[in-house]
Amino acid sequence: MPNHFHAVVCIDHAEALILDFAKDDYTERLIKAEGGHGNIHHKAGSAGSGHAHDAKSYFAAVAAQLQPSHEILIVGHGTARTDFAHYIRDHVPALAPRIMGVEAVDHPTKAEIVALARKFFEAKDLTTPQRVP
């Protein structure tokens, strides 16, 4: 698999699509939440968490797949993108500085995700040096 500097993860509470990309190509990985059909939610007054599946193990699996990435953009609809960004901040602090942005998108295609991410990083790369840590 090629080593790409940038990655974008399009995440919801059922699956995460990770696209590692360069100027002319990309590779993809899909991580599905175990038992994830629908939204994760908390139920007020319930004894358990009310989760449709274990969000921590799902987010941990996605974060593990992002470890080789140097700069990451998180996109998605609903609350999963911000929930995931908070998970990284709180549970994977070494990965947190590599999150360059969190953007809302409404059910994009793979091509739209890659185009959005390339545009995002092209603008960002004009103002920051590209160094591999």
N, C-alpha and C. Protein backbone atom coordinates (compact mmCIF):
# COMPACT_ATOMS: atom_id res chain seq x y z
N MET A 1 0.85 -1.17 0.00
CA MET A 1 0.00 0.00 0.00
C MET A 1 0.90 1.24 0.00
N PRO A 2 0.60 2.22 -0.84
CA PRO A 2 1.41 3.44 -0.86
C PRO A 2 1.32 4.19 0.45
N ASN A 3 2.37 4.93 0.77
CA ASN A 3 2.38 5.73 1.99
C ASN A 3 1.92 7.14 1.63
N HIS A 4 0.72 7.50 2.06
CA HIS A 4 0.17 8.81 1.78
C HIS A 4 0.29 9.70 3.01
N PHE A 5 0.51 10.97 2.79
CA PHE A 5 0.66 11.93 3.87
C PHE A 5 -0.69 12.31 4.47
N HIS A 6 -1.71 12.44 3.61
CA HIS A 6 -3.04 12.88 4.03
C HIS A 6 -4.04 11.74 4.07
N ALA A 7 -5.00 11.87 4.99
CA ALA A 7 -6.11 10.92 5.07
C ALA A 7 -7.37 11.69 5.40
N VAL A 8 -8.48 11.17 4.91
CA VAL A 8 -9.79 11.70 5.27
C VAL A 8 -10.61 10.51 5.75
N VAL A 9 -11.33 10.70 6.84
CA VAL A 9 -12.22 9.65 7.33
C VAL A 9 -13.63 10.21 7.29
N CYS A 10 -14.50 9.51 6.59
CA CYS A 10 -15.92 9.86 6.54
C CYS A 10 -16.61 8.87 7.47
N ILE A 11 -17.14 9.39 8.56
CA ILE A 11 -17.61 8.51 9.63
C ILE A 11 -19.06 8.80 10.00
N ASP A 12 -19.78 7.73 10.26
CA ASP A 12 -21.08 7.83 10.93
C ASP A 12 -21.08 6.76 12.00
N HIS A 13 -22.19 6.51 12.63
CA HIS A 13 -22.18 5.57 13.74
C HIS A 13 -22.25 4.11 13.30
N ALA A 14 -22.32 3.86 12.00
CA ALA A 14 -22.36 2.50 11.50
C ALA A 14 -21.06 2.09 10.82
N GLU A 15 -20.37 3.04 10.14
CA GLU A 15 -19.14 2.70 9.45
C GLU A 15 -18.28 3.92 9.25
N ALA A 16 -17.00 3.64 9.02
CA ALA A 16 -16.03 4.69 8.74
C ALA A 16 -15.28 4.31 7.47
N LEU A 17 -15.25 5.24 6.53
CA LEU A 17 -14.50 5.06 5.30
C LEU A 17 -13.25 5.93 5.40
N ILE A 18 -12.09 5.29 5.38
CA ILE A 18 -10.82 6.01 5.44
C ILE A 18 -10.21 6.01 4.05
N LEU A 19 -9.91 7.21 3.55
CA LEU A 19 -9.29 7.36 2.25
C LEU A 19 -7.93 8.02 2.45
N ASP A 20 -6.85 7.27 2.18
CA ASP A 20 -5.50 7.83 2.20
C ASP A 20 -5.23 8.27 0.77
N PHE A 21 -4.76 9.50 0.60
CA PHE A 21 -4.67 9.98 -0.77
C PHE A 21 -3.45 10.84 -1.03
N ALA A 22 -3.12 10.89 -2.32
CA ALA A 22 -2.09 11.78 -2.86
C ALA A 22 -2.75 12.53 -4.01
N LYS A 23 -1.95 13.24 -4.76
CA LYS A 23 -2.49 14.07 -5.83
C LYS A 23 -3.29 13.26 -6.85
N ASP A 24 -2.78 12.08 -7.22
CA ASP A 24 -3.39 11.34 -8.32
C ASP A 24 -4.00 9.99 -7.95
N ASP A 25 -3.94 9.61 -6.70
CA ASP A 25 -4.50 8.31 -6.35
C ASP A 25 -4.99 8.31 -4.91
N TYR A 26 -5.70 7.25 -4.55
CA TYR A 26 -6.10 7.06 -3.16
C TYR A 26 -6.31 5.57 -2.90
N THR A 27 -6.20 5.21 -1.63
CA THR A 27 -6.52 3.87 -1.19
C THR A 27 -7.64 4.00 -0.16
N GLU A 28 -8.41 2.97 0.00
CA GLU A 28 -9.54 3.04 0.91
C GLU A 28 -9.59 1.85 1.85
N ARG A 29 -10.12 2.12 3.03
CA ARG A 29 -10.37 1.10 4.04
C ARG A 29 -11.74 1.38 4.65
N LEU A 30 -12.50 0.34 4.90
CA LEU A 30 -13.83 0.48 5.50
C LEU A 30 -13.85 -0.26 6.82
N ILE A 31 -14.24 0.44 7.87
CA ILE A 31 -14.38 -0.16 9.20
C ILE A 31 -15.85 -0.08 9.56
N LYS A 32 -16.44 -1.22 9.85
CA LYS A 32 -17.85 -1.25 10.24
C LYS A 32 -17.95 -1.41 11.75
N ALA A 33 -18.90 -0.71 12.33
CA ALA A 33 -19.16 -0.85 13.76
C ALA A 33 -19.79 -2.21 14.00
N GLU A 34 -19.33 -2.91 15.00
CA GLU A 34 -19.89 -4.22 15.32
C GLU A 34 -21.33 -4.05 15.79
N GLY A 35 -22.24 -4.66 15.09
CA GLY A 35 -23.65 -4.56 15.46
C GLY A 35 -24.22 -3.18 15.23
N GLY A 36 -23.56 -2.35 14.45
CA GLY A 36 -23.99 -0.97 14.26
C GLY A 36 -25.00 -0.81 13.15
N HIS A 37 -26.23 -0.81 13.50
CA HIS A 37 -27.31 -0.53 12.55
C HIS A 37 -28.07 0.66 13.09
N GLY A 38 -27.79 1.83 12.62
CA GLY A 38 -28.47 3.01 13.11
C GLY A 38 -27.57 3.83 14.00
N ASN A 39 -28.16 4.77 14.69
CA ASN A 39 -27.42 5.72 15.50
C ASN A 39 -27.11 5.19 16.88
N ILE A 40 -25.98 5.65 17.41
CA ILE A 40 -25.66 5.41 18.82
C ILE A 40 -26.37 6.51 19.58
N HIS A 41 -27.02 6.14 20.68
CA HIS A 41 -27.71 7.17 21.45
C HIS A 41 -27.75 6.78 22.91
N HIS A 42 -27.84 7.78 23.75
CA HIS A 42 -27.99 7.56 25.18
C HIS A 42 -29.47 7.67 25.51
N LYS A 43 -29.96 6.75 26.33
CA LYS A 43 -31.35 6.81 26.76
C LYS A 43 -31.39 7.36 28.17
N ALA A 44 -32.12 8.41 28.36
CA ALA A 44 -32.24 9.02 29.69
C ALA A 44 -32.91 8.04 30.64
N GLY A 45 -32.34 7.92 31.83
CA GLY A 45 -32.94 7.10 32.86
C GLY A 45 -32.72 5.61 32.70
N SER A 46 -31.93 5.19 31.72
CA SER A 46 -31.70 3.75 31.55
C SER A 46 -30.48 3.33 32.34
N ALA A 47 -30.44 2.06 32.73
CA ALA A 47 -29.33 1.55 33.52
C ALA A 47 -28.06 1.42 32.69
N GLY A 48 -28.18 1.05 31.43
CA GLY A 48 -27.01 0.87 30.56
C GLY A 48 -26.70 2.16 29.82
N SER A 49 -25.76 2.03 28.90
CA SER A 49 -25.34 3.20 28.14
C SER A 49 -26.36 3.59 27.08
N GLY A 50 -27.21 2.63 26.65
CA GLY A 50 -28.16 2.91 25.60
C GLY A 50 -27.54 2.88 24.22
N HIS A 51 -26.29 2.45 24.10
CA HIS A 51 -25.62 2.43 22.81
C HIS A 51 -26.14 1.28 21.96
N ALA A 52 -26.28 1.54 20.68
CA ALA A 52 -26.62 0.49 19.74
C ALA A 52 -25.44 -0.47 19.59
N HIS A 53 -24.24 -0.03 19.82
CA HIS A 53 -23.03 -0.84 19.83
C HIS A 53 -22.01 -0.10 20.69
N ASP A 54 -20.88 -0.73 20.90
CA ASP A 54 -19.85 -0.14 21.74
C ASP A 54 -19.08 0.91 20.96
N ALA A 55 -19.40 2.19 21.17
CA ALA A 55 -18.77 3.28 20.43
C ALA A 55 -17.27 3.33 20.70
N LYS A 56 -16.84 3.06 21.93
CA LYS A 56 -15.41 3.15 22.24
C LYS A 56 -14.60 2.14 21.45
N SER A 57 -15.07 0.92 21.35
CA SER A 57 -14.29 -0.07 20.59
C SER A 57 -14.31 0.25 19.10
N TYR A 58 -15.41 0.75 18.60
CA TYR A 58 -15.51 1.18 17.19
C TYR A 58 -14.57 2.34 16.92
N PHE A 59 -14.64 3.38 17.75
CA PHE A 59 -13.76 4.53 17.56
C PHE A 59 -12.29 4.13 17.73
N ALA A 60 -12.00 3.21 18.65
CA ALA A 60 -10.62 2.74 18.83
C ALA A 60 -10.12 2.04 17.58
N ALA A 61 -10.96 1.25 16.95
CA ALA A 61 -10.58 0.55 15.72
C ALA A 61 -10.31 1.55 14.59
N VAL A 62 -11.13 2.58 14.48
CA VAL A 62 -10.92 3.60 13.44
C VAL A 62 -9.64 4.37 13.73
N ALA A 63 -9.44 4.77 14.97
CA ALA A 63 -8.23 5.51 15.34
C ALA A 63 -6.98 4.69 15.07
N ALA A 64 -7.03 3.39 15.33
CA ALA A 64 -5.87 2.52 15.06
C ALA A 64 -5.53 2.51 13.58
N GLN A 65 -6.54 2.53 12.73
CA GLN A 65 -6.29 2.54 11.28
C GLN A 65 -5.72 3.88 10.81
N LEU A 66 -5.90 4.94 11.58
CA LEU A 66 -5.39 6.26 11.22
C LEU A 66 -3.97 6.52 11.72
N GLN A 67 -3.41 5.62 12.50
CA GLN A 67 -2.08 5.83 13.09
C GLN A 67 -0.99 6.16 12.06
N PRO A 68 -0.96 5.53 10.88
CA PRO A 68 0.10 5.88 9.93
C PRO A 68 -0.08 7.24 9.25
N SER A 69 -1.25 7.82 9.37
CA SER A 69 -1.55 9.09 8.68
C SER A 69 -0.90 10.27 9.39
N HIS A 70 -0.39 11.20 8.60
CA HIS A 70 0.29 12.38 9.17
C HIS A 70 -0.65 13.55 9.38
N GLU A 71 -1.61 13.73 8.45
CA GLU A 71 -2.61 14.79 8.59
C GLU A 71 -3.95 14.20 8.22
N ILE A 72 -4.95 14.48 9.07
CA ILE A 72 -6.25 13.82 8.96
C ILE A 72 -7.36 14.85 8.94
N LEU A 73 -8.32 14.63 8.06
CA LEU A 73 -9.56 15.40 8.01
C LEU A 73 -10.68 14.44 8.37
N ILE A 74 -11.55 14.85 9.30
CA ILE A 74 -12.70 14.04 9.68
C ILE A 74 -13.95 14.70 9.10
N VAL A 75 -14.74 13.92 8.36
CA VAL A 75 -15.97 14.44 7.77
C VAL A 75 -17.11 13.47 8.08
N GLY A 76 -18.33 13.97 7.95
CA GLY A 76 -19.51 13.13 8.12
C GLY A 76 -20.74 13.96 8.41
N HIS A 77 -21.86 13.27 8.44
CA HIS A 77 -23.11 13.93 8.80
C HIS A 77 -23.48 13.50 10.22
N GLY A 78 -24.41 14.16 10.81
CA GLY A 78 -24.79 13.80 12.17
C GLY A 78 -23.70 14.14 13.17
N THR A 79 -23.70 13.44 14.28
CA THR A 79 -22.79 13.75 15.38
C THR A 79 -21.55 12.87 15.43
N ALA A 80 -21.47 11.85 14.61
CA ALA A 80 -20.36 10.89 14.71
C ALA A 80 -19.01 11.56 14.50
N ARG A 81 -18.92 12.53 13.58
CA ARG A 81 -17.62 13.16 13.31
C ARG A 81 -17.11 13.89 14.54
N THR A 82 -17.96 14.63 15.25
CA THR A 82 -17.51 15.34 16.44
C THR A 82 -17.31 14.38 17.61
N ASP A 83 -18.16 13.36 17.70
CA ASP A 83 -17.96 12.34 18.75
C ASP A 83 -16.60 11.67 18.57
N PHE A 84 -16.25 11.36 17.33
CA PHE A 84 -14.96 10.72 17.05
C PHE A 84 -13.80 11.66 17.35
N ALA A 85 -13.93 12.92 16.97
CA ALA A 85 -12.87 13.90 17.27
C ALA A 85 -12.67 14.03 18.78
N HIS A 86 -13.75 14.04 19.54
CA HIS A 86 -13.65 14.11 21.01
C HIS A 86 -13.03 12.83 21.57
N TYR A 87 -13.38 11.69 20.98
CA TYR A 87 -12.78 10.43 21.42
C TYR A 87 -11.26 10.48 21.24
N ILE A 88 -10.82 10.94 20.08
CA ILE A 88 -9.37 11.03 19.83
C ILE A 88 -8.72 11.97 20.85
N ARG A 89 -9.31 13.13 21.04
CA ARG A 89 -8.75 14.09 21.99
C ARG A 89 -8.62 13.48 23.39
N ASP A 90 -9.64 12.74 23.82
CA ASP A 90 -9.67 12.22 25.18
C ASP A 90 -8.94 10.88 25.37
N HIS A 91 -8.89 10.05 24.30
CA HIS A 91 -8.37 8.69 24.48
C HIS A 91 -7.14 8.36 23.64
N VAL A 92 -6.85 9.16 22.60
CA VAL A 92 -5.69 8.90 21.75
C VAL A 92 -4.96 10.24 21.55
N PRO A 93 -4.45 10.83 22.62
CA PRO A 93 -3.89 12.18 22.52
C PRO A 93 -2.71 12.31 21.55
N ALA A 94 -1.99 11.23 21.29
CA ALA A 94 -0.88 11.30 20.33
C ALA A 94 -1.38 11.53 18.90
N LEU A 95 -2.61 11.12 18.61
CA LEU A 95 -3.19 11.30 17.29
C LEU A 95 -3.86 12.67 17.14
N ALA A 96 -4.25 13.27 18.25
CA ALA A 96 -5.02 14.53 18.22
C ALA A 96 -4.36 15.66 17.43
N PRO A 97 -3.05 15.90 17.55
CA PRO A 97 -2.45 17.01 16.79
C PRO A 97 -2.49 16.81 15.28
N ARG A 98 -2.73 15.59 14.84
CA ARG A 98 -2.77 15.31 13.40
C ARG A 98 -4.15 15.56 12.79
N ILE A 99 -5.14 15.83 13.64
CA ILE A 99 -6.48 16.16 13.14
C ILE A 99 -6.44 17.62 12.69
N MET A 100 -6.55 17.84 11.40
CA MET A 100 -6.45 19.18 10.83
C MET A 100 -7.80 19.87 10.70
N GLY A 101 -8.88 19.10 10.72
CA GLY A 101 -10.20 19.70 10.59
C GLY A 101 -11.29 18.67 10.78
N VAL A 102 -12.48 19.18 11.10
CA VAL A 102 -13.69 18.37 11.24
C VAL A 102 -14.77 19.12 10.47
N GLU A 103 -15.29 18.48 9.41
CA GLU A 103 -16.22 19.15 8.51
C GLU A 103 -17.52 18.36 8.36
N ALA A 104 -18.62 19.08 8.25
CA ALA A 104 -19.92 18.46 8.01
C ALA A 104 -20.11 18.23 6.51
N VAL A 105 -20.56 17.03 6.16
CA VAL A 105 -20.93 16.70 4.78
C VAL A 105 -22.19 15.84 4.84
N ASP A 106 -22.99 15.89 3.80
CA ASP A 106 -24.26 15.18 3.80
C ASP A 106 -24.24 14.05 2.78
N HIS A 107 -23.89 12.85 3.21
CA HIS A 107 -23.88 11.64 2.40
C HIS A 107 -23.12 11.80 1.08
N PRO A 108 -21.83 12.15 1.13
CA PRO A 108 -21.06 12.33 -0.10
C PRO A 108 -20.67 11.00 -0.72
N THR A 109 -20.36 11.02 -2.01
CA THR A 109 -19.78 9.87 -2.68
C THR A 109 -18.29 9.83 -2.37
N LYS A 110 -17.61 8.73 -2.71
CA LYS A 110 -16.16 8.65 -2.50
C LYS A 110 -15.45 9.76 -3.27
N ALA A 111 -15.89 9.98 -4.51
CA ALA A 111 -15.25 11.03 -5.32
C ALA A 111 -15.43 12.40 -4.68
N GLU A 112 -16.60 12.66 -4.11
CA GLU A 112 -16.84 13.95 -3.45
C GLU A 112 -16.00 14.09 -2.18
N ILE A 113 -15.83 12.99 -1.45
CA ILE A 113 -15.00 13.02 -0.24
C ILE A 113 -13.55 13.34 -0.60
N VAL A 114 -13.03 12.65 -1.61
CA VAL A 114 -11.64 12.88 -2.02
C VAL A 114 -11.47 14.31 -2.54
N ALA A 115 -12.41 14.79 -3.35
CA ALA A 115 -12.32 16.16 -3.88
C ALA A 115 -12.35 17.18 -2.75
N LEU A 116 -13.24 17.00 -1.78
CA LEU A 116 -13.32 17.90 -0.63
C LEU A 116 -12.01 17.89 0.16
N ALA A 117 -11.48 16.70 0.41
CA ALA A 117 -10.25 16.57 1.19
C ALA A 117 -9.06 17.17 0.45
N ARG A 118 -8.97 16.93 -0.84
CA ARG A 118 -7.86 17.51 -1.62
C ARG A 118 -7.92 19.04 -1.58
N LYS A 119 -9.11 19.59 -1.74
CA LYS A 119 -9.27 21.04 -1.69
C LYS A 119 -8.90 21.57 -0.30
N PHE A 120 -9.36 20.89 0.75
CA PHE A 120 -9.05 21.28 2.13
C PHE A 120 -7.54 21.31 2.36
N PHE A 121 -6.86 20.22 1.98
CA PHE A 121 -5.42 20.13 2.23
C PHE A 121 -4.60 21.00 1.29
N GLU A 122 -5.06 21.23 0.08
CA GLU A 122 -4.34 22.16 -0.81
C GLU A 122 -4.29 23.54 -0.18
N ALA A 123 -5.42 23.99 0.36
CA ALA A 123 -5.45 25.31 1.01
C ALA A 123 -4.58 25.31 2.26
N LYS A 124 -4.65 24.25 3.06
CA LYS A 124 -3.87 24.16 4.29
C LYS A 124 -2.38 24.05 3.98
N ASP A 125 -2.02 23.27 2.95
CA ASP A 125 -0.61 23.05 2.62
C ASP A 125 0.08 24.31 2.12
N LEU A 126 -0.68 25.25 1.61
CA LEU A 126 -0.08 26.51 1.16
C LEU A 126 0.45 27.32 2.33
N THR A 127 -0.07 27.07 3.51
CA THR A 127 0.31 27.88 4.68
C THR A 127 1.15 27.13 5.70
N THR A 128 1.37 25.82 5.49
CA THR A 128 2.15 25.05 6.47
C THR A 128 3.18 24.18 5.76
N PRO A 129 4.34 23.95 6.36
CA PRO A 129 5.36 23.08 5.75
C PRO A 129 4.92 21.62 5.83
N GLN A 130 5.36 20.83 4.88
CA GLN A 130 5.06 19.40 4.85
C GLN A 130 6.25 18.63 5.40
N ARG A 131 6.14 18.22 6.65
CA ARG A 131 7.20 17.47 7.28
C ARG A 131 6.64 16.19 7.84
N VAL A 132 7.39 15.13 7.71
CA VAL A 132 7.00 13.86 8.30
C VAL A 132 7.60 13.83 9.70
N PRO A 133 6.78 13.65 10.73
CA PRO A 133 7.30 13.63 12.10
C PRO A 133 8.22 12.45 12.37
